[in-house]
Amino acid sequence: MMSYESKFQPKLFYYHLNLEKRIPQNHILRKIKEKINFDFVYAEVKDTYGINGNVSVPPPVILKLMLLLILYNVRSERELMDTIPLRLDWLWFLGYDLDSEIPNHSVLSKARARWGVKAFKAFFERIVSQCVQEGLVEGRKLFIDTSLIEANASNNSVVDTQSLERYLKKGYRELEERLEGLTEGKKGKANERYLSTTDPDASVVRHGRGKSKLRYKTHRVVDNKKEVITATKVTTGSVDDGDMLKEMIEQAEGNTGQKVEVVVGDSRYGTKENFLMCGERKIKAHLANLEETNRGRGRQEGIFPKEAFRYDREKDIFICPAGEVLRRRHFYQGREHYEYKAGKGVCRRCKLRMECTRAKDGRTLKRHIRQEELERLVEVAGSAEARRDRKIRQHLSERSFAQSIRYGYKRARWRRLWRVQIQDYLIAVVQNIQVLLKEGGRRAANAARELRKERLFLCPKGLSTIWQTCWDIFWDSERRIDRSFAII
């Protein structure tokens, strides 16, 4: 018999509603709640609160709200607060009930301003430490890469700081005072002159053949064992990748407690300074050589490479392909290298001039004061093992950044460098938690399987048929438990 829909009438009381029973055992938020302790944040932000005034939202709840914002890639904090009453799992995760009062969205922005970057950095470091304790981090080999983040600002907000009066006739002096000093830390002529009035920390950066945009840059270190992010840092988009290598190594060592033995990166990290720095730290630099990568490009296109010149160690001279001698002329203390050059007019009269140089003064060569040590380090970087590691890095790093896309890392949620750093820490935390839950479940399943094997090994021989049947039934139930546990 067909039934008819009755008119909906809400109940006054719900006697049998229990949020705890409504959340599945394999729900990701249940796993996070069981695995992660958010109470640490009390000690981290204690000094940022006073003893008088209104009672705030508990810091662990604020941290959970931030985590939900990133984990589910909610577009805005307003939308997050509007969605919480509709999601039983979010209410349960936050410790709320159906009739609990949901805080205002401004709570999150105020907490970020009050806490600063320190609390979120501590959160990231605790998750990395937990991954280390679970045996998910090797720590001895680092794979480093960078990616650009689009700033939360329009290109129309960029002004020419050298002609502010032309753009803004009214009140331009106040704007000039507000923007004064904000170009510090930026590199390149464009970023010294052009500045965004919306997000002054963002840099004007061009990527590939695309247009120049306001961007930040995230530097990331990924461990090769289970792809745990062990170090991360956000800078302005104009910062050179190679300049951050030393800081990222130190951050990874501090977070994992392991001494780095090998660092793997592309040619943007393969500078002379980085090779020598790795040599001083007894680290194998599996970095692509920047000098070799740039060979034959730009002004070097179609001319003799440096290897075409023979170096005489005893006489400290270079001999060019035409047989002429290049002698030491200058020493550049900042870059720590000598400059070698032929005599005046030698290159001008040479028949091979067009194949050797396009400079008016002739061909010059540079030799580092630690050239022999540098050559040994570069030779290690060109080994088969190093090439194999760089190929692994390409897939490993790209996969890590690709996973970050689902959490919205491609575009900054907030403005200013310190807020983008908070976003980056939260995204790295979410990715590491995913690894922690996935591998933790596998370890527990493997432990249950090993326990079953141990019990089976201890099973006495010669049991009767009835007892053997009972034993088989028992282990069949154990297999079902093991399978369900593995799914969780």
Protein backbone atom coordinates (compact mmCIF):
# COMPACT_ATOMS: atom_id res chain seq x y z
CA MET A 1 0.00 0.00 0.00
CA MET A 2 1.37 3.42 -0.94
CA SER A 3 2.08 5.82 1.90
CA TYR A 4 1.72 9.59 1.82
CA GLU A 5 4.18 12.15 3.11
CA SER A 6 2.97 13.82 6.27
CA LYS A 7 3.48 17.49 6.97
CA PHE A 8 6.71 18.13 8.82
CA GLN A 9 6.36 19.23 12.40
CA PRO A 10 9.55 19.70 14.41
CA LYS A 11 9.82 18.01 17.77
CA LEU A 12 10.25 19.97 20.93
CA PHE A 13 12.62 17.44 22.45
CA TYR A 14 14.98 14.81 21.02
CA TYR A 15 15.53 12.11 23.62
CA HIS A 16 17.49 9.57 21.56
CA LEU A 17 19.86 11.85 19.62
CA ASN A 18 23.53 11.23 20.39
CA LEU A 19 26.19 12.87 18.20
CA GLU A 20 28.79 10.37 19.37
CA LYS A 21 26.81 7.49 17.85
CA ARG A 22 26.11 9.35 14.64
CA ILE A 23 29.78 9.77 13.69
CA PRO A 24 31.14 6.65 11.88
CA GLN A 25 34.13 4.93 13.39
CA ASN A 26 36.17 5.43 10.19
CA HIS A 27 35.36 9.14 9.86
CA ILE A 28 38.47 11.24 9.33
CA LEU A 29 37.55 13.73 12.07
CA ARG A 30 37.15 10.89 14.58
CA LYS A 31 40.62 9.64 13.65
CA ILE A 32 42.08 13.14 13.98
CA LYS A 33 40.45 13.63 17.36
CA GLU A 34 41.86 10.34 18.61
CA LYS A 35 45.34 10.92 17.19
CA ILE A 36 45.99 14.64 17.66
CA ASN A 37 46.09 16.49 20.98
CA PHE A 38 45.05 20.11 20.50
CA ASP A 39 45.45 21.10 24.15
CA PHE A 40 49.10 22.03 23.64
CA VAL A 41 47.94 25.39 22.27
CA TYR A 42 46.97 26.55 25.77
CA ALA A 43 50.62 26.89 26.74
CA GLU A 44 51.62 28.38 23.38
CA VAL A 45 49.15 31.30 23.48
CA LYS A 46 48.84 31.81 27.23
CA ASP A 47 50.85 35.05 27.18
CA THR A 48 48.60 36.60 24.52
CA TYR A 49 45.51 36.72 26.76
CA GLY A 50 44.77 39.02 29.68
CA ILE A 51 43.18 38.21 33.03
CA ASN A 52 40.19 40.55 32.66
CA GLY A 53 37.49 41.07 30.09
CA ASN A 54 35.18 38.72 28.23
CA VAL A 55 35.91 35.00 28.18
CA SER A 56 37.28 33.94 24.79
CA VAL A 57 36.58 30.89 22.68
CA PRO A 58 38.88 28.09 23.93
CA PRO A 59 42.15 28.07 21.90
CA PRO A 60 41.83 24.36 20.95
CA VAL A 61 38.43 25.09 19.41
CA ILE A 62 39.92 27.96 17.40
CA LEU A 63 42.71 25.70 16.17
CA LYS A 64 40.16 23.07 15.16
CA LEU A 65 38.17 25.71 13.27
CA MET A 66 41.32 26.68 11.38
CA LEU A 67 41.95 23.03 10.59
CA LEU A 68 38.41 22.56 9.25
CA LEU A 69 38.83 25.66 7.10
CA ILE A 70 41.85 24.11 5.35
CA LEU A 71 40.86 20.43 5.43
CA TYR A 72 37.54 21.04 3.66
CA ASN A 73 38.87 24.03 1.68
CA VAL A 74 36.00 26.27 2.76
CA ARG A 75 35.98 29.47 0.73
CA SER A 76 35.69 31.88 3.64
CA GLU A 77 35.41 32.03 7.41
CA ARG A 78 31.84 33.33 7.13
CA GLU A 79 30.89 30.27 5.12
CA LEU A 80 32.63 28.06 7.68
CA MET A 81 30.54 29.44 10.53
CA ASP A 82 27.35 29.21 8.46
CA THR A 83 28.07 25.55 7.63
CA ILE A 84 28.91 24.35 11.14
CA PRO A 85 25.24 24.03 12.30
CA LEU A 86 24.50 21.92 9.20
CA ARG A 87 27.30 19.42 9.82
CA LEU A 88 26.89 16.98 12.70
CA ASP A 89 30.48 15.78 12.28
CA TRP A 90 31.86 19.31 12.60
CA LEU A 91 29.74 19.97 15.69
CA TRP A 92 30.99 16.76 17.28
CA PHE A 93 34.62 17.51 16.35
CA LEU A 94 34.41 20.98 17.92
CA GLY A 95 32.73 19.67 21.08
CA TYR A 96 29.46 21.48 20.31
CA ASP A 97 25.87 20.29 20.60
CA LEU A 98 22.85 21.01 18.41
CA ASP A 99 21.87 24.05 20.44
CA SER A 100 25.42 25.37 21.04
CA GLU A 101 26.12 28.96 20.10
CA ILE A 102 28.41 29.22 17.08
CA PRO A 103 31.10 31.93 17.45
CA ASN A 104 31.35 34.87 15.08
CA HIS A 105 33.67 34.57 12.11
CA SER A 106 35.79 37.46 13.41
CA VAL A 107 37.05 35.17 16.18
CA LEU A 108 39.48 33.55 13.72
CA SER A 109 40.98 36.77 12.37
CA LYS A 110 41.38 38.14 15.89
CA ALA A 111 43.07 34.90 17.00
CA ARG A 112 45.55 35.06 14.12
CA ALA A 113 46.40 38.65 14.98
CA ARG A 114 46.79 37.77 18.67
CA TRP A 115 48.68 34.49 18.30
CA GLY A 116 50.90 35.39 15.36
CA VAL A 117 52.89 32.76 13.47
CA LYS A 118 54.44 31.15 16.56
CA ALA A 119 51.45 29.01 17.58
CA PHE A 120 50.91 27.59 14.09
CA LYS A 121 54.62 26.89 13.70
CA ALA A 122 54.50 24.94 16.98
CA PHE A 123 51.49 22.99 15.64
CA PHE A 124 53.40 22.07 12.49
CA GLU A 125 56.49 21.04 14.46
CA ARG A 126 54.45 18.85 16.82
CA ILE A 127 52.88 16.97 13.93
CA VAL A 128 56.31 16.42 12.33
CA SER A 129 57.62 15.19 15.69
CA GLN A 130 54.68 12.80 15.97
CA CYS A 131 55.43 11.45 12.49
CA VAL A 132 59.05 10.91 13.57
CA GLN A 133 57.92 9.00 16.66
CA GLU A 134 55.68 6.81 14.50
CA GLY A 135 58.68 5.89 12.34
CA LEU A 136 57.36 7.70 9.24
CA VAL A 137 60.39 9.96 8.73
CA GLU A 138 63.90 8.95 7.72
CA GLY A 139 65.35 12.46 7.90
CA ARG A 140 68.76 11.77 6.34
CA LYS A 141 67.82 12.63 2.74
CA LEU A 142 65.98 15.86 1.91
CA PHE A 143 64.10 16.66 -1.29
CA ILE A 144 63.60 20.40 -1.66
CA ASP A 145 61.50 22.38 -4.10
CA THR A 146 59.53 25.62 -4.39
CA SER A 147 56.19 26.75 -5.77
CA LEU A 148 54.57 30.12 -6.36
CA ILE A 149 51.44 31.26 -4.50
CA GLU A 150 49.18 33.84 -6.07
CA ALA A 151 48.68 36.76 -3.70
CA ASN A 152 45.22 37.85 -2.57
CA ALA A 153 45.54 41.13 -4.44
CA SER A 154 44.81 42.46 -7.90
CA ASN A 155 47.47 43.65 -10.31
CA ASN A 156 45.47 46.90 -10.47
CA SER A 157 46.68 47.64 -6.94
CA VAL A 158 50.29 47.95 -8.12
CA VAL A 159 51.60 51.52 -8.17
CA ASP A 160 54.85 53.10 -9.27
CA THR A 161 56.52 54.33 -6.08
CA GLN A 162 58.68 56.74 -8.07
CA SER A 163 55.67 58.57 -9.45
CA LEU A 164 53.02 58.30 -6.75
CA GLU A 165 51.94 61.90 -7.24
CA ARG A 166 50.96 61.18 -10.82
CA TYR A 167 48.72 58.28 -9.78
CA LEU A 168 47.31 59.70 -6.55
CA LYS A 169 47.05 63.45 -6.38
CA LYS A 170 45.07 63.53 -3.13
CA GLY A 171 46.68 62.22 -0.01
CA TYR A 172 49.67 60.75 -1.80
CA ARG A 173 52.01 61.82 1.00
CA GLU A 174 50.16 59.66 3.53
CA LEU A 175 50.34 56.70 1.15
CA GLU A 176 54.04 57.28 0.57
CA GLU A 177 54.69 57.28 4.31
CA ARG A 178 52.68 54.09 4.75
CA LEU A 179 54.54 52.33 1.96
CA GLU A 180 57.97 53.54 3.03
CA GLY A 181 60.31 50.66 3.82
CA LEU A 182 57.95 47.93 2.62
CA THR A 183 60.20 47.03 -0.32
CA GLU A 184 62.86 45.66 2.06
CA GLY A 185 63.59 41.99 1.46
CA LYS A 186 62.42 42.14 -2.16
CA LYS A 187 64.82 41.58 -5.02
CA GLY A 188 64.85 42.86 -8.58
CA LYS A 189 64.42 46.31 -10.05
CA ALA A 190 60.69 45.81 -10.59
CA ASN A 191 60.04 45.14 -6.89
CA GLU A 192 62.16 48.10 -5.84
CA ARG A 193 59.96 50.39 -7.88
CA TYR A 194 56.50 48.80 -8.07
CA LEU A 195 54.41 48.03 -5.00
CA SER A 196 50.91 46.77 -4.26
CA THR A 197 48.85 49.06 -2.05
CA THR A 198 46.63 46.07 -1.14
CA ASP A 199 49.36 43.58 -0.16
CA PRO A 200 52.76 45.33 0.05
CA ASP A 201 54.59 42.08 0.92
CA ALA A 202 53.72 40.40 -2.39
CA SER A 203 56.29 40.57 -5.20
CA VAL A 204 55.76 41.16 -8.89
CA VAL A 205 56.91 37.84 -10.42
CA ARG A 206 56.68 36.35 -13.89
CA HIS A 207 56.38 32.59 -14.22
CA GLY A 208 57.31 31.08 -17.56
CA ARG A 209 55.81 32.99 -20.48
CA GLY A 210 52.84 34.22 -18.46
CA LYS A 211 52.19 37.75 -17.28
CA SER A 212 53.76 39.22 -14.18
CA LYS A 213 51.56 38.80 -11.11
CA LEU A 214 51.69 39.46 -7.41
CA ARG A 215 53.00 36.28 -5.84
CA TYR A 216 54.57 34.64 -2.82
CA LYS A 217 56.86 31.62 -2.84
CA THR A 218 56.70 28.54 -0.61
CA HIS A 219 59.87 26.52 -0.01
CA ARG A 220 59.22 22.91 1.02
CA VAL A 221 61.29 19.94 2.17
CA VAL A 222 59.75 16.48 1.73
CA ASP A 223 61.08 13.30 3.32
CA ASN A 224 61.38 10.35 0.95
CA LYS A 225 60.12 7.62 3.29
CA LYS A 226 56.42 8.49 3.56
CA GLU A 227 56.40 11.97 1.95
CA VAL A 228 56.11 13.84 5.23
CA ILE A 229 56.73 17.59 4.92
CA THR A 230 59.55 18.23 7.38
CA ALA A 231 60.18 21.93 6.70
CA THR A 232 58.32 24.76 5.01
CA LYS A 233 58.87 28.48 4.59
CA VAL A 234 57.04 31.27 2.76
CA THR A 235 58.95 34.22 1.30
CA THR A 236 58.20 36.96 -1.15
CA GLY A 237 58.06 35.72 -4.72
CA SER A 238 61.30 37.41 -5.73
CA VAL A 239 63.52 35.52 -3.27
CA ASP A 240 65.98 33.22 -5.02
CA ASP A 241 65.49 29.51 -4.33
CA GLY A 242 69.17 28.84 -3.73
CA ASP A 243 69.39 31.46 -0.98
CA MET A 244 67.01 29.41 1.20
CA LEU A 245 68.84 26.06 1.08
CA LYS A 246 70.85 26.50 4.27
CA GLU A 247 67.84 27.70 6.28
CA MET A 248 65.67 24.81 5.06
CA ILE A 249 68.34 22.24 5.99
CA GLU A 250 68.60 23.70 9.49
CA GLN A 251 64.82 23.77 9.90
CA ALA A 252 64.47 20.13 8.79
CA GLU A 253 67.23 19.00 11.16
CA GLY A 254 65.60 20.86 14.04
CA ASN A 255 62.15 19.41 13.35
CA THR A 256 63.24 15.79 12.85
CA GLY A 257 66.27 15.59 15.15
CA GLN A 258 68.18 13.85 12.34
CA LYS A 259 71.49 14.88 10.77
CA VAL A 260 71.02 15.55 7.05
CA GLU A 261 73.34 13.45 4.90
CA VAL A 262 71.99 14.10 1.38
CA VAL A 263 70.12 17.06 -0.09
CA VAL A 264 68.43 16.80 -3.49
CA GLY A 265 67.39 19.79 -5.59
CA ASP A 266 67.28 21.17 -9.13
CA SER A 267 69.66 23.63 -10.77
CA ARG A 268 68.20 26.65 -8.95
CA TYR A 269 69.92 25.32 -5.82
CA GLY A 270 73.12 24.25 -7.60
CA THR A 271 75.13 27.40 -6.98
CA LYS A 272 78.80 27.46 -5.97
CA GLU A 273 77.88 28.80 -2.54
CA ASN A 274 75.47 25.94 -1.89
CA PHE A 275 77.92 23.26 -3.03
CA LEU A 276 80.59 24.61 -0.71
CA MET A 277 78.13 25.01 2.15
CA CYS A 278 77.10 21.36 1.81
CA GLY A 279 80.75 20.35 1.71
CA GLU A 280 81.41 22.18 4.98
CA ARG A 281 78.46 20.37 6.59
CA LYS A 282 79.55 16.95 5.24
CA ILE A 283 76.36 16.74 3.19
CA LYS A 284 76.21 15.10 -0.23
CA ALA A 285 74.90 17.75 -2.60
CA HIS A 286 72.82 15.94 -5.22
CA LEU A 287 72.06 19.28 -6.85
CA ALA A 288 71.94 19.98 -10.56
CA ASN A 289 74.84 22.29 -11.46
CA LEU A 290 73.49 25.75 -12.29
CA GLU A 291 76.54 26.67 -14.36
CA GLU A 292 76.19 23.54 -16.46
CA THR A 293 72.44 24.05 -16.91
CA ASN A 294 72.90 27.63 -18.16
CA ARG A 295 75.70 26.67 -20.52
CA GLY A 296 74.88 27.61 -24.10
CA ARG A 297 71.98 29.87 -23.10
CA GLY A 298 71.58 33.61 -23.35
CA ARG A 299 74.89 35.38 -23.90
CA GLN A 300 76.73 32.03 -23.80
CA GLU A 301 74.88 30.70 -26.83
CA GLY A 302 77.23 29.73 -29.67
CA ILE A 303 80.50 30.43 -27.83
CA PHE A 304 83.22 28.18 -26.41
CA PRO A 305 82.38 26.74 -22.98
CA LYS A 306 84.74 27.12 -20.03
CA GLU A 307 85.91 23.51 -20.48
CA ALA A 308 87.45 24.47 -23.86
CA PHE A 309 90.09 26.44 -21.95
CA ARG A 310 92.96 24.41 -20.43
CA TYR A 311 94.11 25.42 -16.94
CA ASP A 312 97.81 25.18 -16.08
CA ARG A 313 98.00 24.71 -12.32
CA GLU A 314 101.75 25.40 -12.01
CA LYS A 315 101.69 28.68 -13.92
CA ASP A 316 98.17 29.62 -12.81
CA ILE A 317 97.04 30.49 -16.32
CA PHE A 318 94.32 29.48 -18.81
CA ILE A 319 95.15 28.60 -22.43
CA CYS A 320 92.36 29.34 -24.91
CA PRO A 321 91.50 27.20 -28.02
CA ALA A 322 93.60 29.60 -30.14
CA GLY A 323 96.65 29.01 -27.92
CA GLU A 324 96.64 32.43 -26.25
CA VAL A 325 97.27 32.87 -22.53
CA LEU A 326 94.73 34.29 -20.04
CA ARG A 327 96.40 35.54 -16.85
CA ARG A 328 95.03 36.42 -13.44
CA ARG A 329 93.95 40.08 -13.32
CA HIS A 330 91.50 40.77 -10.46
CA PHE A 331 90.18 39.23 -7.26
CA TYR A 332 86.52 39.76 -6.31
CA GLN A 333 86.27 39.37 -2.55
CA GLY A 334 82.49 39.25 -2.41
CA ARG A 335 82.21 36.27 -4.76
CA GLU A 336 85.59 34.83 -3.78
CA HIS A 337 86.91 34.27 -7.29
CA TYR A 338 89.78 35.41 -9.51
CA GLU A 339 89.29 36.82 -12.98
CA TYR A 340 91.53 35.72 -15.85
CA LYS A 341 91.90 37.74 -19.03
CA ALA A 342 94.09 37.85 -22.13
CA GLY A 343 96.39 40.76 -22.96
CA LYS A 344 95.06 43.96 -24.45
CA GLY A 345 94.13 43.56 -28.10
CA VAL A 346 94.74 39.77 -28.18
CA CYS A 347 91.06 38.82 -28.46
CA ARG A 348 90.44 41.62 -30.97
CA ARG A 349 92.97 40.14 -33.43
CA CYS A 350 91.94 36.48 -32.85
CA LYS A 351 90.33 34.57 -35.74
CA LEU A 352 88.11 32.65 -33.30
CA ARG A 353 86.74 35.80 -31.65
CA MET A 354 83.15 35.32 -32.92
CA GLU A 355 83.11 31.76 -31.53
CA CYS A 356 84.66 32.76 -28.21
CA THR A 357 83.17 36.03 -26.97
CA ARG A 358 80.91 38.96 -27.78
CA ALA A 359 82.39 41.29 -25.17
CA LYS A 360 84.28 44.35 -26.40
CA ASP A 361 87.13 43.78 -23.94
CA GLY A 362 87.55 40.12 -24.87
CA ARG A 363 86.92 36.81 -23.09
CA THR A 364 87.23 36.56 -19.30
CA LEU A 365 87.19 33.44 -17.09
CA LYS A 366 86.50 33.09 -13.38
CA ARG A 367 88.09 30.63 -10.97
CA HIS A 368 86.95 30.23 -7.37
CA ILE A 369 89.53 30.26 -4.59
CA ARG A 370 88.22 26.81 -3.57
CA GLN A 371 87.90 25.56 -7.13
CA GLU A 372 89.42 22.12 -6.51
CA GLU A 373 87.03 21.39 -3.65
CA LEU A 374 84.17 22.71 -5.74
CA GLU A 375 85.02 20.40 -8.64
CA ARG A 376 84.96 17.36 -6.35
CA LEU A 377 81.52 18.34 -5.04
CA VAL A 378 80.20 18.95 -8.56
CA GLU A 379 81.54 15.54 -9.62
CA VAL A 380 79.48 13.89 -6.85
CA ALA A 381 76.43 15.85 -8.04
CA GLY A 382 76.88 14.39 -11.51
CA SER A 383 76.97 10.75 -10.38
CA ALA A 384 74.35 8.19 -11.36
CA GLU A 385 73.03 8.11 -7.79
CA ALA A 386 72.53 11.89 -7.78
CA ARG A 387 70.75 11.83 -11.15
CA ARG A 388 68.47 9.09 -9.87
CA ASP A 389 67.68 11.12 -6.74
CA ARG A 390 66.84 14.19 -8.81
CA LYS A 391 64.44 12.14 -10.90
CA ILE A 392 62.75 10.88 -7.72
CA ARG A 393 62.60 14.46 -6.40
CA GLN A 394 60.76 15.62 -9.49
CA HIS A 395 57.89 13.18 -8.86
CA LEU A 396 58.02 13.43 -5.07
CA SER A 397 57.84 17.23 -4.87
CA GLU A 398 55.29 17.62 -7.64
CA ARG A 399 53.07 15.03 -5.97
CA SER A 400 53.32 16.88 -2.65
CA PHE A 401 52.37 20.22 -4.21
CA ALA A 402 49.62 18.57 -6.26
CA GLN A 403 48.06 17.25 -3.06
CA SER A 404 48.21 20.78 -1.64
CA ILE A 405 45.97 22.07 -4.42
CA ARG A 406 42.91 20.44 -2.86
CA TYR A 407 43.56 22.53 0.25
CA GLY A 408 43.77 25.79 -1.68
CA TYR A 409 47.49 26.59 -1.53
CA LYS A 410 47.60 28.06 -5.06
CA ARG A 411 46.06 31.34 -3.88
CA ALA A 412 46.61 33.10 -0.58
CA ARG A 413 43.54 33.32 1.63
CA TRP A 414 44.80 36.36 3.49
CA ARG A 415 47.14 39.28 2.91
CA ARG A 416 50.63 40.00 4.23
CA LEU A 417 53.51 37.57 4.49
CA TRP A 418 52.94 36.38 8.06
CA ARG A 419 49.33 35.41 7.32
CA VAL A 420 50.34 33.48 4.20
CA GLN A 421 52.91 31.67 6.37
CA ILE A 422 50.09 30.63 8.72
CA GLN A 423 48.14 29.24 5.77
CA ASP A 424 51.21 27.33 4.60
CA TYR A 425 51.75 25.78 8.04
CA LEU A 426 48.12 24.66 8.22
CA ILE A 427 48.25 23.09 4.75
CA ALA A 428 51.45 21.21 5.67
CA VAL A 429 49.82 20.08 8.93
CA VAL A 430 46.79 18.69 7.08
CA GLN A 431 48.98 16.79 4.61
CA ASN A 432 51.14 15.33 7.39
CA ILE A 433 48.06 14.33 9.39
CA GLN A 434 46.78 12.46 6.32
CA VAL A 435 50.06 10.50 6.22
CA LEU A 436 49.92 9.92 9.96
CA LEU A 437 46.40 8.48 9.82
CA LYS A 438 47.03 6.38 6.73
CA GLU A 439 50.31 4.83 7.84
CA GLY A 440 49.16 4.54 11.46
CA GLY A 441 46.22 2.40 10.34
CA ARG A 442 48.51 0.20 8.30
CA ARG A 443 50.89 -0.29 11.21
CA ALA A 444 48.02 -1.27 13.50
CA ALA A 445 46.70 -3.73 10.90
CA ASN A 446 50.16 -5.25 10.48
CA ALA A 447 50.50 -5.56 14.26
CA ALA A 448 47.18 -7.42 14.45
CA ARG A 449 48.30 -9.71 11.63
CA GLU A 450 51.59 -10.48 13.36
CA LEU A 451 49.74 -11.21 16.60
CA ARG A 452 47.50 -13.65 14.76
CA LYS A 453 50.52 -15.43 13.29
CA GLU A 454 52.13 -15.64 16.72
CA ARG A 455 49.01 -17.20 18.24
CA LEU A 456 48.73 -19.62 15.35
CA PHE A 457 52.35 -20.65 15.87
CA LEU A 458 51.62 -21.33 19.56
CA CYS A 459 48.56 -23.45 18.75
CA PRO A 460 49.20 -26.95 20.20
CA LYS A 461 49.38 -29.81 17.77
CA GLY A 462 47.17 -32.87 17.90
CA LEU A 463 43.95 -31.09 18.80
CA SER A 464 40.77 -33.00 18.30
CA THR A 465 38.58 -32.28 15.28
CA ILE A 466 36.10 -30.31 17.39
CA TRP A 467 38.74 -28.13 18.95
CA GLN A 468 40.42 -27.60 15.58
CA THR A 469 37.10 -26.49 14.10
CA CYS A 470 36.59 -24.03 16.97
CA TRP A 471 40.11 -22.78 16.45
CA ASP A 472 39.45 -22.18 12.72
CA ILE A 473 36.22 -20.31 13.49
CA PHE A 474 38.07 -18.14 15.97
CA TRP A 475 40.78 -17.16 13.45
CA ASP A 476 38.16 -16.56 10.77
CA SER A 477 36.59 -13.94 13.04
CA GLU A 478 40.06 -12.51 13.66
CA ARG A 479 40.53 -12.13 9.88
CA ARG A 480 37.26 -10.23 9.59
CA ILE A 481 38.32 -7.92 12.42
CA ASP A 482 41.70 -7.45 10.79
CA ARG A 483 40.12 -6.59 7.41
CA SER A 484 37.73 -4.08 8.95
CA PHE A 485 40.59 -2.53 10.91
CA ALA A 486 42.66 -2.21 7.77
CA ILE A 487 39.81 -0.42 6.00
CA ILE A 488 39.62 2.08 8.83
